[in-house]
PDB file of N, CA and C in Angstrom:
ATOM      1  N   MET A   1       1.130  -1.247   0.217  1.00  0.00           N
ATOM      2  CA  MET A   1      -0.108  -0.439   0.290  1.00  0.00           C
ATOM      3  C   MET A   1       0.742   0.896   0.021  1.00  0.00           C
ATOM      4  N   ALA A   2       2.092   1.472   0.532  1.00  0.00           N
ATOM      5  CA  ALA A   2       3.155   2.094   1.164  1.00  0.00           C
ATOM      6  C   ALA A   2       3.342   2.895  -0.761  1.00  0.00           C
ATOM      7  N   ALA A   3       3.812   1.805  -1.217  1.00  0.00           N
ATOM      8  CA  ALA A   3       4.103   1.668  -2.443  1.00  0.00           C
ATOM      9  C   ALA A   3       3.311   2.624  -3.547  1.00  0.00           C
ATOM     10  N   GLY A   4       2.501   1.909  -3.483  1.00  0.00           N
ATOM     11  CA  GLY A   4       1.234   3.244  -4.529  1.00  0.00           C
ATOM     12  C   GLY A   4       0.807   4.300  -3.869  1.00  0.00           C
ATOM     13  N   LEU A   5       1.097   4.661  -2.448  1.00  0.00           N
ATOM     14  CA  LEU A   5       0.889   5.840  -2.099  1.00  0.00           C
ATOM     15  C   LEU A   5       2.342   6.713  -2.574  1.00  0.00           C
ATOM     16  N   ALA A   6       2.995   6.340  -2.516  1.00  0.00           N
ATOM     17  CA  ALA A   6       4.093   6.946  -2.661  1.00  0.00           C
ATOM     18  C   ALA A   6       4.329   7.326  -4.816  1.00  0.00           C
ATOM     19  N   GLY A   7       3.663   5.673  -5.185  1.00  0.00           N
ATOM     20  CA  GLY A   7       3.735   5.924  -6.724  1.00  0.00           C
ATOM     21  C   GLY A   7       2.730   7.302  -7.183  1.00  0.00           C
ATOM     22  N   GLN A   8       1.411   6.902  -6.377  1.00  0.00           N
ATOM     23  CA  GLN A   8       0.625   8.406  -6.879  1.00  0.00           C
ATOM     24  C   GLN A   8       0.565   9.710  -6.812  1.00  0.00           C
ATOM     25  N   ALA A   9       1.457   9.991  -5.320  1.00  0.00           N
ATOM     26  CA  ALA A   9       2.297  10.834  -5.030  1.00  0.00           C
ATOM     27  C   ALA A   9       3.309  11.092  -6.117  1.00  0.00           C
ATOM     28  N   ARG A  10       4.079  10.310  -6.666  1.00  0.00           N
ATOM     29  CA  ARG A  10       4.902  11.168  -7.863  1.00  0.00           C
ATOM     30  C   ARG A  10       4.339  11.116  -9.157  1.00  0.00           C
ATOM     31  N   LYS A  11       3.092  10.513  -9.532  1.00  0.00           N
ATOM     32  CA  LYS A  11       2.652  10.726 -11.029  1.00  0.00           C
ATOM     33  C   LYS A  11       1.964  12.706 -10.649  1.00  0.00           C
ATOM     34  N   MET A  12       1.388  12.346  -8.724  1.00  0.00           N
ATOM     35  CA  MET A  12       0.437  13.943  -8.776  1.00  0.00           C
ATOM     36  C   MET A  12       1.489  15.075  -8.850  1.00  0.00           C
ATOM     37  N   GLY A  13       3.233  14.611  -9.140  1.00  0.00           N
ATOM     38  CA  GLY A  13       3.950  15.527  -8.641  1.00  0.00           C
ATOM     39  C   GLY A  13       4.389  16.200  -7.104  1.00  0.00           C
ATOM     40  N   VAL A  14       3.664  15.277  -6.060  1.00  0.00           N
ATOM     41  CA  VAL A  14       4.489  15.588  -4.989  1.00  0.00           C
ATOM     42  C   VAL A  14       5.255  14.527  -4.482  1.00  0.00           C
ATOM     43  N   SER A  15       6.259  15.165  -3.965  1.00  0.00           N
ATOM     44  CA  SER A  15       7.461  13.894  -2.850  1.00  0.00           C
ATOM     45  C   SER A  15       7.172  13.375  -2.272  1.00  0.00           C
ATOM     46  N   THR A  16       7.405  12.557  -1.760  1.00  0.00           N
ATOM     47  CA  THR A  16       7.383  11.305  -0.597  1.00  0.00           C
ATOM     48  C   THR A  16       7.536  12.512   0.546  1.00  0.00           C
ATOM     49  N   HIS A  17       8.664  12.950   0.245  1.00  0.00           N
ATOM     50  CA  HIS A  17       8.752  13.031   1.795  1.00  0.00           C
ATOM     51  C   HIS A  17       7.619  14.390   2.589  1.00  0.00           C
ATOM     52  N   ASP A  18       6.312  14.731   1.313  1.00  0.00           N
ATOM     53  CA  ASP A  18       4.982  15.768   2.022  1.00  0.00           C
ATOM     54  C   ASP A  18       4.308  14.842   2.743  1.00  0.00           C
ATOM     55  N   LEU A  19       4.219  13.397   2.195  1.00  0.00           N
ATOM     56  CA  LEU A  19       3.297  12.165   2.598  1.00  0.00           C
ATOM     57  C   LEU A  19       3.481  12.279   4.013  1.00  0.00           C
ATOM     58  N   GLY A  20       5.082  12.304   4.716  1.00  0.00           N
ATOM     59  CA  GLY A  20       5.491  12.314   6.398  1.00  0.00           C
ATOM     60  C   GLY A  20       4.440  13.221   6.827  1.00  0.00           C
ATOM     61  N   ARG A  21       4.250  14.633   6.517  1.00  0.00           N
ATOM     62  CA  ARG A  21       3.475  15.625   6.464  1.00  0.00           C
ATOM     63  C   ARG A  21       2.309  15.470   7.223  1.00  0.00           C
ATOM     64  N   VAL A  22       1.674  15.107   6.095  1.00  0.00           N
ATOM     65  CA  VAL A  22      -0.052  14.321   5.862  1.00  0.00           C
ATOM     66  C   VAL A  22      -0.403  13.349   7.199  1.00  0.00           C
ATOM     67  N   GLY A  23       0.448  12.386   6.869  1.00  0.00           N
ATOM     68  CA  GLY A  23       0.796  11.914   8.350  1.00  0.00           C
ATOM     69  C   GLY A  23       0.959  11.986   9.668  1.00  0.00           C
ATOM     70  N   PHE A  24       1.511  12.892   9.654  1.00  0.00           N
ATOM     71  CA  PHE A  24       1.683  13.321  10.990  1.00  0.00           C
ATOM     72  C   PHE A  24       0.756  14.510  11.169  1.00  0.00           C
ATOM     73  N   TYR A  25       0.509  14.854  10.219  1.00  0.00           N
ATOM     74  CA  TYR A  25      -0.905  15.745  10.623  1.00  0.00           C
ATOM     75  C   TYR A  25      -2.177  15.445  11.267  1.00  0.00           C
ATOM     76  N   ARG A  26      -2.224  14.266  10.359  1.00  0.00           N
ATOM     77  CA  ARG A  26      -3.298  13.244  10.782  1.00  0.00           C
ATOM     78  C   ARG A  26      -3.209  12.805  11.952  1.00  0.00           C
ATOM     79  N   ARG A  27      -2.538  12.533  12.514  1.00  0.00           N
ATOM     80  CA  ARG A  27      -1.862  11.907  13.670  1.00  0.00           C
ATOM     81  C   ARG A  27      -2.419  12.938  14.790  1.00  0.00           C
ATOM     82  N   GLY A  28      -1.911  14.370  14.189  1.00  0.00           N
ATOM     83  CA  GLY A  28      -2.128  14.855  15.438  1.00  0.00           C
ATOM     84  C   GLY A  28      -3.892  15.499  15.651  1.00  0.00           C
ATOM     85  N   MET A  29      -3.745  15.738  15.006  1.00  0.00           N
ATOM     86  CA  MET A  29      -5.404  15.459  14.678  1.00  0.00           C
ATOM     87  C   MET A  29      -6.351  14.403  15.286  1.00  0.00           C
ATOM     88  N   LYS A  30      -5.759  13.656  14.761  1.00  0.00           N
ATOM     89  CA  LYS A  30      -6.682  12.320  15.729  1.00  0.00           C
ATOM     90  C   LYS A  30      -6.697  12.776  17.215  1.00  0.00           C
ATOM     91  N   ARG A  31      -5.543  13.059  18.110  1.00  0.00           N
ATOM     92  CA  ARG A  31      -5.445  12.979  19.135  1.00  0.00           C
ATOM     93  C   ARG A  31      -6.175  14.395  19.311  1.00  0.00           C
ATOM     94  N   LEU A  32      -5.838  15.618  18.890  1.00  0.00           N
ATOM     95  CA  LEU A  32      -6.623  16.504  19.431  1.00  0.00           C
ATOM     96  C   LEU A  32      -7.932  16.096  19.547  1.00  0.00           C
ATOM     97  N   GLY A  33      -8.299  15.758  18.430  1.00  0.00           N
ATOM     98  CA  GLY A  33     -10.375  14.529  18.778  1.00  0.00           C
ATOM     99  C   GLY A  33     -10.794  13.728  19.932  1.00  0.00           C
ATOM    100  N   VAL A  34      -8.924  12.735  20.249  1.00  0.00           N
ATOM    101  CA  VAL A  34      -9.633  12.308  21.218  1.00  0.00           C
ATOM    102  C   VAL A  34      -9.375  12.977  22.821  1.00  0.00           C
ATOM    103  N   VAL A  35      -9.191  13.962  22.964  1.00  0.00           N
ATOM    104  CA  VAL A  35      -8.634  14.507  23.878  1.00  0.00           C
ATOM    105  C   VAL A  35     -10.269  15.113  23.994  1.00  0.00           C
ATOM    106  N   LEU A  36     -10.544  16.062  22.848  1.00  0.00           N
ATOM    107  CA  LEU A  36     -11.892  16.946  23.082  1.00  0.00           C
ATOM    108  C   LEU A  36     -12.933  15.599  23.414  1.00  0.00           C
ATOM    109  N   LEU A  37     -12.415  14.787  23.373  1.00  0.00           N
ATOM    110  CA  LEU A  37     -13.984  13.572  23.014  1.00  0.00           C
ATOM    111  C   LEU A  37     -13.937  12.889  24.728  1.00  0.00           C
ATOM    112  N   TRP A  38     -12.367  12.774  25.136  1.00  0.00           N
ATOM    113  CA  TRP A  38     -12.385  12.983  26.728  1.00  0.00           C
ATOM    114  C   TRP A  38     -12.872  13.876  27.287  1.00  0.00           C
ATOM    115  N   ILE A  39     -13.096  14.924  27.447  1.00  0.00           N
ATOM    116  CA  ILE A  39     -13.392  16.283  27.681  1.00  0.00           C
ATOM    117  C   ILE A  39     -15.000  16.533  27.753  1.00  0.00           C
ATOM    118  N   VAL A  40     -15.322  16.255  26.852  1.00  0.00           N
ATOM    119  CA  VAL A  40     -16.929  16.351  26.754  1.00  0.00           C
ATOM    120  C   VAL A  40     -17.346  15.008  27.591  1.00  0.00           C
ATOM    121  N   GLY A  41     -16.673  13.721  27.559  1.00  0.00           N
ATOM    122  CA  GLY A  41     -17.114  12.599  28.324  1.00  0.00           C
ATOM    123  C   GLY A  41     -16.851  13.068  29.523  1.00  0.00           C
ATOM    124  N   LEU A  42     -16.134  13.801  29.784  1.00  0.00           N
ATOM    125  CA  LEU A  42     -15.704  13.617  31.551  1.00  0.00           C
ATOM    126  C   LEU A  42     -16.716  14.599  31.770  1.00  0.00           C
ATOM    127  N   TYR A  43     -17.323  15.569  31.115  1.00  0.00           N
ATOM    128  CA  TYR A  43     -18.306  17.085  31.738  1.00  0.00           C
ATOM    129  C   TYR A  43     -19.898  15.622  32.350  1.00  0.00           C
ATOM    130  N   PHE A  44     -19.772  14.830  30.545  1.00  0.00           N
ATOM    131  CA  PHE A  44     -21.459  13.861  30.920  1.00  0.00           C
ATOM    132  C   PHE A  44     -21.391  13.070  32.105  1.00  0.00           C
ATOM    133  N   VAL A  45     -19.861  12.622  32.537  1.00  0.00           N
ATOM    134  CA  VAL A  45     -19.858  12.236  33.598  1.00  0.00           C
ATOM    135  C   VAL A  45     -20.199  12.954  35.091  1.00  0.00           C
ATOM    136  N   GLY A  46     -19.106  14.217  34.874  1.00  0.00           N
ATOM    137  CA  GLY A  46     -19.512  14.789  36.228  1.00  0.00           C
ATOM    138  C   GLY A  46     -21.043  15.355  36.034  1.00  0.00           C
ATOM    139  N   ARG A  47     -21.750  15.870  35.126  1.00  0.00           N
ATOM    140  CA  ARG A  47     -23.046  16.086  35.234  1.00  0.00           C
ATOM    141  C   ARG A  47     -24.348  14.317  35.452  1.00  0.00           C
ATOM    142  N   ALA A  48     -23.564  13.660  34.994  1.00  0.00           N
ATOM    143  CA  ALA A  48     -24.761  12.372  35.373  1.00  0.00           C
ATOM    144  C   ALA A  48     -24.393  12.451  36.973  1.00  0.00           C
ATOM    145  N   VAL A  49     -23.150  12.164  37.775  1.00  0.00           N
ATOM    146  CA  VAL A  49     -22.867  12.416  39.131  1.00  0.00           C
ATOM    147  C   VAL A  49     -23.710  13.740  39.755  1.00  0.00           C
ATOM    148  N   VAL A  50     -23.607  15.125  39.487  1.00  0.00           N
ATOM    149  CA  VAL A  50     -24.308  16.161  39.949  1.00  0.00           C
ATOM    150  C   VAL A  50     -25.650  16.014  39.916  1.00  0.00           C
ATOM    151  N   GLU A  51     -26.369  15.532  39.243  1.00  0.00           N
ATOM    152  CA  GLU A  51     -27.848  15.538  38.453  1.00  0.00           C
ATOM    153  C   GLU A  51     -28.709  15.443  40.008  1.00  0.00           C
ATOM    154  N   PRO A  52     -28.586  14.142  40.468  1.00  0.00           N
ATOM    155  CA  PRO A  52     -28.947  13.527  41.409  1.00  0.00           C
ATOM    156  C   PRO A  52     -29.367  14.773  42.990  1.00  0.00           C
ATOM    157  N   PHE A  53     -28.277  15.542  42.633  1.00  0.00           N
ATOM    158  CA  PHE A  53     -28.116  16.256  43.729  1.00  0.00           C
ATOM    159  C   PHE A  53     -28.509  17.167  43.829  1.00  0.00           C
ATOM    160  N   VAL A  54     -29.173  17.821  42.464  1.00  0.00           N
ATOM    161  CA  VAL A  54     -29.205  19.406  41.999  1.00  0.00           C
ATOM    162  C   VAL A  54     -30.813  19.462  42.228  1.00  0.00           C
ATOM    163  N   ILE A  55     -31.298  18.318  41.591  1.00  0.00           N
ATOM    164  CA  ILE A  55     -32.974  18.566  42.141  1.00  0.00           C
ATOM    165  C   ILE A  55     -33.082  17.186  43.389  1.00  0.00           C
ATOM    166  N   ASP A  56     -34.465  17.892  43.503  1.00  0.00           N
ATOM    167  CA  ASP A  56     -35.367  17.539  44.914  1.00  0.00           C
ATOM    168  C   ASP A  56     -35.702  16.143  44.368  1.00  0.00           C
ATOM    169  N   LEU A  57     -35.213  15.143  45.031  1.00  0.00           N
ATOM    170  CA  LEU A  57     -36.032  14.336  43.407  1.00  0.00           C
ATOM    171  C   LEU A  57     -37.788  13.797  44.227  1.00  0.00           C
ATOM    172  N   SER A  58     -37.968  14.170  45.740  1.00  0.00           N
ATOM    173  CA  SER A  58     -39.645  14.150  45.838  1.00  0.00           C
ATOM    174  C   SER A  58     -40.151  15.390  45.442  1.00  0.00           C
ATOM    175  N   ASP A  59     -39.729  15.859  44.953  1.00  0.00           N
ATOM    176  CA  ASP A  59     -40.100  17.112  45.257  1.00  0.00           C
ATOM    177  C   ASP A  59     -40.565  17.907  43.232  1.00  0.00           C
ATOM    178  N   PRO A  60     -41.419  17.742  42.703  1.00  0.00           N
ATOM    179  CA  PRO A  60     -41.871  17.253  40.936  1.00  0.00           C
ATOM    180  C   PRO A  60     -41.542  18.606  40.729  1.00  0.00           C
ATOM    181  N   ALA A  61     -41.838  19.773  41.308  1.00  0.00           N
ATOM    182  CA  ALA A  61     -41.771  21.290  40.927  1.00  0.00           C
ATOM    183  C   ALA A  61     -40.141  21.340  40.592  1.00  0.00           C
ATOM    184  N   THR A  62     -39.266  20.879  41.104  1.00  0.00           N
ATOM    185  CA  THR A  62     -37.737  21.440  41.087  1.00  0.00           C
ATOM    186  C   THR A  62     -37.546  20.559  39.731  1.00  0.00           C
ATOM    187  N   TYR A  63     -38.089  19.953  39.105  1.00  0.00           N
ATOM    188  CA  TYR A  63     -37.493  19.133  38.034  1.00  0.00           C
ATOM    189  C   TYR A  63     -38.647  19.077  37.120  1.00  0.00           C
ATOM    190  N   ARG A  64     -39.967  19.431  36.999  1.00  0.00           N
ATOM    191  CA  ARG A  64     -40.669  19.566  35.702  1.00  0.00           C
ATOM    192  C   ARG A  64     -40.354  20.403  34.595  1.00  0.00           C
ATOM    193  N   ASN A  65     -39.526  21.273  34.858  1.00  0.00           N
ATOM    194  CA  ASN A  65     -39.436  21.877  33.377  1.00  0.00           C
ATOM    195  C   ASN A  65     -38.905  21.987  32.841  1.00  0.00           C
ATOM    196  N   ASP A  66     -37.442  20.842  33.446  1.00  0.00           N
ATOM    197  CA  ASP A  66     -35.995  20.712  32.525  1.00  0.00           C
ATOM    198  C   ASP A  66     -36.268  19.650  31.843  1.00  0.00           C
ATOM    199  N   TRP A  67     -35.280  19.674  30.744  1.00  0.00           N
ATOM    200  CA  TRP A  67     -35.485  18.765  29.652  1.00  0.00           C
ATOM    201  C   TRP A  67     -35.274  17.613  30.399  1.00  0.00           C
ATOM    202  N   GLY A  68     -37.067  16.300  29.287  1.00  0.00           N
ATOM    203  CA  GLY A  68     -37.409  15.302  29.819  1.00  0.00           C
ATOM    204  C   GLY A  68     -37.995  15.452  30.804  1.00  0.00           C
ATOM    205  N   GLY A  69     -38.658  16.233  31.354  1.00  0.00           N
ATOM    206  CA  GLY A  69     -40.010  16.217  32.555  1.00  0.00           C
ATOM    207  C   GLY A  69     -40.846  16.173  31.941  1.00  0.00           C
ATOM    208  N   PRO A  70     -41.986  16.082  32.406  1.00  0.00           N
ATOM    209  CA  PRO A  70     -42.149  16.323  33.998  1.00  0.00           C
ATOM    210  C   PRO A  70     -42.328  15.048  34.688  1.00  0.00           C
ATOM    211  N   HIS A  71     -41.318  14.101  34.168  1.00  0.00           N
ATOM    212  CA  HIS A  71     -41.316  13.708  34.958  1.00  0.00           C
ATOM    213  C   HIS A  71     -40.162  12.610  35.472  1.00  0.00           C
ATOM    214  N   LEU A  72     -39.198  11.877  36.899  1.00  0.00           N
ATOM    215  CA  LEU A  72     -38.077  11.798  37.564  1.00  0.00           C
ATOM    216  C   LEU A  72     -37.494  11.243  36.202  1.00  0.00           C
ATOM    217  N   ILE A  73     -37.909  10.199  35.589  1.00  0.00           N
ATOM    218  CA  ILE A  73     -37.093   8.892  34.784  1.00  0.00           C
ATOM    219  C   ILE A  73     -37.023  10.156  33.402  1.00  0.00           C
ATOM    220  N   GLY A  74     -37.160  10.622  33.232  1.00  0.00           N
ATOM    221  CA  GLY A  74     -37.518  11.159  31.535  1.00  0.00           C
ATOM    222  C   GLY A  74     -35.997  12.668  32.072  1.00  0.00           C
ATOM    223  N   VAL A  75     -36.123  12.923  32.947  1.00  0.00           N
ATOM    224  CA  VAL A  75     -34.989  14.127  33.897  1.00  0.00           C
ATOM    225  C   VAL A  75     -33.789  13.614  34.045  1.00  0.00           C
ATOM    226  N   LEU A  76     -34.100  12.005  34.708  1.00  0.00           N
ATOM    227  CA  LEU A  76     -32.445  11.221  34.840  1.00  0.00           C
ATOM    228  C   LEU A  76     -31.961  10.811  33.252  1.00  0.00           C
ATOM    229  N   ALA A  77     -32.487  10.499  32.136  1.00  0.00           N
ATOM    230  CA  ALA A  77     -32.541   9.579  31.940  1.00  0.00           C
ATOM    231  C   ALA A  77     -31.251  11.048  30.555  1.00  0.00           C
ATOM    232  N   VAL A  78     -32.378  11.924  30.360  1.00  0.00           N
ATOM    233  CA  VAL A  78     -31.802  12.759  29.024  1.00  0.00           C
ATOM    234  C   VAL A  78     -30.550  13.915  30.073  1.00  0.00           C
ATOM    235  N   HIS A  79     -30.220  13.421  32.090  1.00  0.00           N
ATOM    236  CA  HIS A  79     -29.377  14.067  32.074  1.00  0.00           C
ATOM    237  C   HIS A  79     -28.582  12.869  32.907  1.00  0.00           C
ATOM    238  N   ALA A  80     -28.473  12.066  33.109  1.00  0.00           N
ATOM    239  CA  ALA A  80     -27.245  11.102  33.384  1.00  0.00           C
ATOM    240  C   ALA A  80     -26.922  10.055  32.754  1.00  0.00           C
ATOM    241  N   LEU A  81     -28.516   9.924  31.646  1.00  0.00           N
ATOM    242  CA  LEU A  81     -27.744   8.718  30.437  1.00  0.00           C
ATOM    243  C   LEU A  81     -26.134   9.023  29.796  1.00  0.00           C
ATOM    244  N   PRO A  82     -26.535  10.380  29.039  1.00  0.00           N
ATOM    245  CA  PRO A  82     -24.991  10.476  28.898  1.00  0.00           C
ATOM    246  C   PRO A  82     -24.357  10.247  28.849  1.00  0.00           C
ATOM    247  N   GLY A  83     -24.232  10.290  30.990  1.00  0.00           N
ATOM    248  CA  GLY A  83     -22.852  10.434  31.301  1.00  0.00           C
ATOM    249  C   GLY A  83     -22.145   8.500  30.929  1.00  0.00           C
ATOM    250  N   ILE A  84     -23.469   8.392  31.797  1.00  0.00           N
ATOM    251  CA  ILE A  84     -23.445   7.013  31.983  1.00  0.00           C
ATOM    252  C   ILE A  84     -23.036   6.005  30.562  1.00  0.00           C
ATOM    253  N   LEU A  85     -23.617   6.090  29.486  1.00  0.00           N
ATOM    254  CA  LEU A  85     -22.964   5.329  28.119  1.00  0.00           C
ATOM    255  C   LEU A  85     -21.033   6.221  28.053  1.00  0.00           C
ATOM    256  N   ALA A  86     -21.167   7.617  28.564  1.00  0.00           N
ATOM    257  CA  ALA A  86     -19.517   7.776  28.084  1.00  0.00           C
ATOM    258  C   ALA A  86     -18.648   7.514  29.225  1.00  0.00           C
ATOM    259  N   LEU A  87     -19.507   6.751  30.672  1.00  0.00           N
ATOM    260  CA  LEU A  87     -18.038   6.203  31.268  1.00  0.00           C
ATOM    261  C   LEU A  87     -17.747   4.914  30.999  1.00  0.00           C
ATOM    262  N   ALA A  88     -18.887   4.347  30.572  1.00  0.00           N
ATOM    263  CA  ALA A  88     -18.948   3.025  29.939  1.00  0.00           C
ATOM    264  C   ALA A  88     -17.794   2.758  28.549  1.00  0.00           C
ATOM    265  N   ALA A  89     -18.193   4.295  28.102  1.00  0.00           N
ATOM    266  CA  ALA A  89     -17.268   3.971  26.266  1.00  0.00           C
ATOM    267  C   ALA A  89     -15.668   4.291  27.246  1.00  0.00           C
ATOM    268  N   MET A  90     -15.763   5.270  27.709  1.00  0.00           N
ATOM    269  CA  MET A  90     -14.030   5.845  28.386  1.00  0.00           C
ATOM    270  C   MET A  90     -13.685   4.046  29.013  1.00  0.00           C
ATOM    271  N   VAL A  91     -14.253   3.538  29.624  1.00  0.00           N
ATOM    272  CA  VAL A  91     -13.980   2.223  30.279  1.00  0.00           C
ATOM    273  C   VAL A  91     -13.454   1.304  29.615  1.00  0.00           C
ATOM    274  N   TRP A  92     -14.486   1.304  28.456  1.00  0.00           N
ATOM    275  CA  TRP A  92     -13.969  -0.205  27.656  1.00  0.00           C
ATOM    276  C   TRP A  92     -12.942   0.494  27.268  1.00  0.00           C
ATOM    277  N   ARG A  93     -12.708   1.547  26.248  1.00  0.00           N
ATOM    278  CA  ARG A  93     -12.093   2.150  25.664  1.00  0.00           C
ATOM    279  C   ARG A  93      -9.970   1.785  26.218  1.00  0.00           C
ATOM    280  N   VAL A  94     -10.136   2.451  27.788  1.00  0.00           N
ATOM    281  CA  VAL A  94      -9.123   2.394  28.416  1.00  0.00           C
ATOM    282  C   VAL A  94      -8.480   0.505  29.120  1.00  0.00           C
ATOM    283  N   ARG A  95      -9.608  -0.332  28.773  1.00  0.00           N
ATOM    284  CA  ARG A  95      -9.913  -1.936  29.050  1.00  0.00           C
ATOM    285  C   ARG A  95      -8.462  -2.022  27.790  1.00  0.00           C
ATOM    286  N   ARG A  96      -9.180  -1.861  26.727  1.00  0.00           N
ATOM    287  CA  ARG A  96      -9.028  -2.461  25.242  1.00  0.00           C
ATOM    288  C   ARG A  96      -7.385  -1.820  25.312  1.00  0.00           C
ATOM    289  N   ARG A  97      -6.969  -0.732  25.508  1.00  0.00           N
ATOM    290  CA  ARG A  97      -5.458  -0.304  25.141  1.00  0.00           C
ATOM    291  C   ARG A  97      -4.527  -1.082  26.182  1.00  0.00           C
ATOM    292  N   ARG A  98      -4.857  -1.490  27.477  1.00  0.00           N
ATOM    293  CA  ARG A  98      -4.413  -1.921  28.209  1.00  0.00           C
ATOM    294  C   ARG A  98      -4.344  -3.644  27.738  1.00  0.00           C
ATOM    295  N   ALA A  99      -5.038  -3.959  27.321  1.00  0.00           N
ATOM    296  CA  ALA A  99      -5.317  -5.028  26.746  1.00  0.00           C
ATOM    297  C   ALA A  99      -4.303  -5.735  25.968  1.00  0.00           C
ATOM    298  N   THR A 100      -3.914  -4.056  24.587  1.00  0.00           N
ATOM    299  CA  THR A 100      -3.461  -4.098  23.578  1.00  0.00           C
ATOM    300  C   THR A 100      -1.923  -4.167  23.975  1.00  0.00           C
ATOM    301  N   ALA A 101      -1.742  -3.329  24.748  1.00  0.00           N
ATOM    302  CA  ALA A 101      -0.631  -3.229  25.601  1.00  0.00           C
ATOM    303  C   ALA A 101       0.463  -4.432  26.181  1.00  0.00           C
ATOM    304  N   SER A 102      -0.445  -4.708  27.014  1.00  0.00           N
ATOM    305  CA  SER A 102       0.530  -6.054  27.780  1.00  0.00           C
ATOM    306  C   SER A 102       0.163  -7.010  26.572  1.00  0.00           C
ATOM    307  N   SER A 103       0.053  -7.180  25.115  1.00  0.00           N
ATOM    308  CA  SER A 103      -0.179  -8.150  24.106  1.00  0.00           C
ATOM    309  C   SER A 103       1.033  -7.742  23.276  1.00  0.00           C
ATOM    310  N   ASP A 104       1.494  -6.965  23.593  1.00  0.00           N
ATOM    311  CA  ASP A 104       2.355  -6.194  22.407  1.00  0.00           C
ATOM    312  C   ASP A 104       3.972  -6.821  23.578  1.00  0.00           C
ATOM    313  N   SER A 105       3.672  -7.442  24.561  1.00  0.00           N
ATOM    314  CA  SER A 105       4.903  -7.858  25.511  1.00  0.00           C
ATOM    315  C   SER A 105       5.089  -9.264  24.766  1.00  0.00           C
ATOM    316  N   PRO A 106       6.441  -9.520  24.960  1.00  0.00           N
ATOM    317  CA  PRO A 106       6.720 -11.294  23.959  1.00  0.00           C
ATOM    318  C   PRO A 106       6.102 -11.750  25.451  1.00  0.00           C
ATOM    319  N   VAL A 107       5.518 -12.981  24.449  1.00  0.00           N
ATOM    320  CA  VAL A 107       4.902 -13.931  25.183  1.00  0.00           C
ATOM    321  C   VAL A 107       6.292 -15.500  25.786  1.00  0.00           C
ATOM    322  N   VAL A 108       6.681 -15.241  27.308  1.00  0.00           N
ATOM    323  CA  VAL A 108       7.318 -16.548  27.171  1.00  0.00           C
ATOM    324  C   VAL A 108       6.990 -17.661  27.616  1.00  0.00           C
ATOM    325  N   SER A 109       7.501 -18.871  27.070  1.00  0.00           N
ATOM    326  CA  SER A 109       6.498 -19.781  27.387  1.00  0.00           C
ATOM    327  C   SER A 109       7.002 -20.543  28.973  1.00  0.00           C
ATOM    328  N   PRO A 110       6.819 -21.482  29.504  1.00  0.00           N
ATOM    329  CA  PRO A 110       6.642 -22.015  30.942  1.00  0.00           C
ATOM    330  C   PRO A 110       8.245 -22.507  30.632  1.00  0.00           C
ATOM    331  N   ALA A 111       8.148 -23.076  29.299  1.00  0.00           N
ATOM    332  CA  ALA A 111       9.020 -24.042  29.148  1.00  0.00           C
ATOM    333  C   ALA A 111      10.242 -23.144  29.408  1.00  0.00           C
ATOM    334  N   ALA A 112      10.589 -22.341  28.129  1.00  0.00           N
ATOM    335  CA  ALA A 112      11.594 -21.286  28.346  1.00  0.00           C
ATOM    336  C   ALA A 112      11.967 -20.773  29.573  1.00  0.00           C
ATOM    337  N   ARG A 113      11.307 -20.351  30.366  1.00  0.00           N
ATOM    338  CA  ARG A 113      11.277 -19.892  31.449  1.00  0.00           C
ATOM    339  C   ARG A 113      12.033 -20.692  32.742  1.00  0.00           C
ATOM    340  N   GLY A 114      12.269 -21.916  32.256  1.00  0.00           N
ATOM    341  CA  GLY A 114      12.903 -23.253  32.997  1.00  0.00           C
ATOM    342  C   GLY A 114      11.625 -23.604  34.411  1.00  0.00           C
ATOM    343  N   LYS A 115      10.881 -23.199  34.113  1.00  0.00           N
ATOM    344  CA  LYS A 115       9.864 -24.139  35.097  1.00  0.00           C
ATOM    345  C   LYS A 115       9.341 -25.313  34.358  1.00  0.00           C
TER     346      LYS A 115
END
C-alpha cells in the first residue's frame, strides 16, 4: 500500500517527503479529537453524578420544566444517561488499550522460563 501511495504521489508531482507531513497532521488531529472527546465525556460523567443532588427527587416542581420532564425518569435519562454511556465507553477504551499494550509484550512459554 505504501508503494502504491508513493507512486500516486510521484504521478501527481508531490514528493514522498510531503506524505510524512500528511501522516503527522492526521495523527495530530486524531489526538486532538480524542482529547476533546474525553473532555466532553468527563463533563457528561460529572453532570450525571451531580444531577441527582441538584434536583429534589421528592418534589416534582424542581424538575418539571427541565429537559425530559415532567417525569423524574425522563429528567434522569436526559441528564444522566449520556454520562453513564460516556463512562462505559471510556472504561471500555482504557481496558482495550491496556489489553493491547499487554499483548505487545513478548510471550514467554513456561518451558522457556525454566519452570
